[in-house]
């Protein structure tokens, strides 16, 4: 890979014990709701 396409979000910084931040599925849905297209 020569370039990284963005925008990007570093999901690990949002991990928490409370939904939706307590599972990968929850984080993916949260990011999708914000308009991100890929994880």
N, C-alpha and C. Protein backbone atom coordinates (compact mmCIF):
# COMPACT_ATOMS: atom_id res chain seq x y z
N UNK A 1 0.85 -1.16 0.00
CA UNK A 1 0.00 0.00 0.00
C UNK A 1 0.90 1.23 0.00
N UNK A 2 0.63 2.12 -0.93
CA UNK A 2 1.44 3.34 -1.04
C UNK A 2 0.79 4.52 -0.34
N UNK A 3 -0.51 4.52 -0.26
CA UNK A 3 -1.21 5.64 0.38
C UNK A 3 -2.33 5.11 1.27
N UNK A 4 -2.70 5.91 2.20
CA UNK A 4 -3.85 5.61 3.06
C UNK A 4 -4.95 6.59 2.71
N UNK A 5 -6.13 6.09 2.45
CA UNK A 5 -7.25 6.95 2.12
C UNK A 5 -7.99 7.30 3.39
N UNK A 6 -8.46 8.50 3.49
CA UNK A 6 -9.17 8.95 4.67
C UNK A 6 -10.51 9.53 4.29
N UNK A 7 -11.25 10.07 5.18
CA UNK A 7 -10.88 10.22 6.59
C UNK A 7 -10.91 8.88 7.32
N UNK A 8 -10.21 8.84 8.42
CA UNK A 8 -10.12 7.62 9.22
C UNK A 8 -10.38 7.94 10.69
N UNK A 9 -10.72 6.91 11.44
CA UNK A 9 -10.93 7.06 12.88
C UNK A 9 -10.23 5.88 13.56
N UNK A 10 -9.51 6.17 14.63
CA UNK A 10 -8.81 5.13 15.39
C UNK A 10 -9.78 4.62 16.45
N UNK A 11 -10.43 3.49 16.17
CA UNK A 11 -11.52 3.01 17.02
C UNK A 11 -11.11 2.68 18.44
N UNK A 12 -9.88 2.22 18.64
CA UNK A 12 -9.46 1.80 19.98
C UNK A 12 -9.58 2.92 21.00
N UNK A 13 -9.44 4.16 20.57
CA UNK A 13 -9.52 5.26 21.52
C UNK A 13 -10.93 5.45 22.08
N UNK A 14 -11.93 4.86 21.44
CA UNK A 14 -13.31 5.02 21.88
C UNK A 14 -13.82 3.83 22.69
N UNK A 15 -13.03 2.76 22.83
CA UNK A 15 -13.48 1.57 23.57
C UNK A 15 -13.87 1.95 25.00
N UNK A 16 -14.99 1.37 25.46
CA UNK A 16 -15.51 1.67 26.79
C UNK A 16 -16.39 0.50 27.24
N UNK A 17 -16.84 0.54 28.47
CA UNK A 17 -17.71 -0.50 29.00
C UNK A 17 -19.17 -0.29 28.62
N UNK A 18 -19.49 0.87 28.09
CA UNK A 18 -20.88 1.21 27.77
C UNK A 18 -21.13 1.12 26.26
N UNK A 19 -22.33 0.64 25.92
CA UNK A 19 -22.72 0.54 24.51
C UNK A 19 -22.77 1.94 23.89
N UNK A 20 -22.47 2.12 22.64
CA UNK A 20 -22.09 1.11 21.66
C UNK A 20 -20.58 0.86 21.62
N UNK A 21 -19.88 1.39 22.57
CA UNK A 21 -18.41 1.36 22.53
C UNK A 21 -17.81 0.12 23.17
N UNK A 22 -18.64 -0.86 23.51
CA UNK A 22 -18.14 -2.06 24.19
C UNK A 22 -18.06 -3.28 23.28
N UNK A 23 -18.30 -3.10 21.98
CA UNK A 23 -18.17 -4.22 21.04
C UNK A 23 -17.75 -3.69 19.67
N UNK A 24 -17.13 -4.56 18.89
CA UNK A 24 -16.73 -4.15 17.55
C UNK A 24 -17.95 -3.85 16.69
N UNK A 25 -18.99 -4.66 16.81
CA UNK A 25 -20.22 -4.40 16.05
C UNK A 25 -20.81 -3.04 16.40
N UNK A 26 -20.83 -2.72 17.69
CA UNK A 26 -21.34 -1.43 18.13
C UNK A 26 -20.52 -0.27 17.61
N UNK A 27 -19.20 -0.42 17.67
CA UNK A 27 -18.32 0.64 17.16
C UNK A 27 -18.49 0.82 15.65
N UNK A 28 -18.64 -0.29 14.93
CA UNK A 28 -18.81 -0.20 13.48
C UNK A 28 -20.11 0.52 13.14
N UNK A 29 -21.18 0.21 13.85
CA UNK A 29 -22.46 0.88 13.59
C UNK A 29 -22.38 2.35 13.94
N UNK A 30 -21.72 2.68 15.04
CA UNK A 30 -21.53 4.07 15.45
C UNK A 30 -20.77 4.84 14.37
N UNK A 31 -19.68 4.25 13.86
CA UNK A 31 -18.89 4.90 12.82
C UNK A 31 -19.70 5.05 11.53
N UNK A 32 -20.47 4.02 11.18
CA UNK A 32 -21.30 4.09 9.98
C UNK A 32 -22.33 5.20 10.10
N UNK A 33 -22.91 5.35 11.28
CA UNK A 33 -23.89 6.41 11.51
C UNK A 33 -23.28 7.80 11.36
N UNK A 34 -21.97 7.89 11.56
CA UNK A 34 -21.26 9.16 11.38
C UNK A 34 -20.81 9.38 9.94
N UNK A 35 -21.05 8.40 9.08
CA UNK A 35 -20.73 8.55 7.67
C UNK A 35 -19.48 7.84 7.19
N UNK A 36 -18.79 7.12 8.07
CA UNK A 36 -17.61 6.38 7.66
C UNK A 36 -18.03 5.18 6.82
N UNK A 37 -17.27 4.88 5.79
CA UNK A 37 -17.61 3.82 4.84
C UNK A 37 -16.87 2.52 5.09
N UNK A 38 -15.77 2.55 5.82
CA UNK A 38 -14.98 1.35 6.05
C UNK A 38 -14.28 1.39 7.39
N UNK A 39 -13.97 0.22 7.89
CA UNK A 39 -13.27 0.11 9.17
C UNK A 39 -11.97 -0.62 8.92
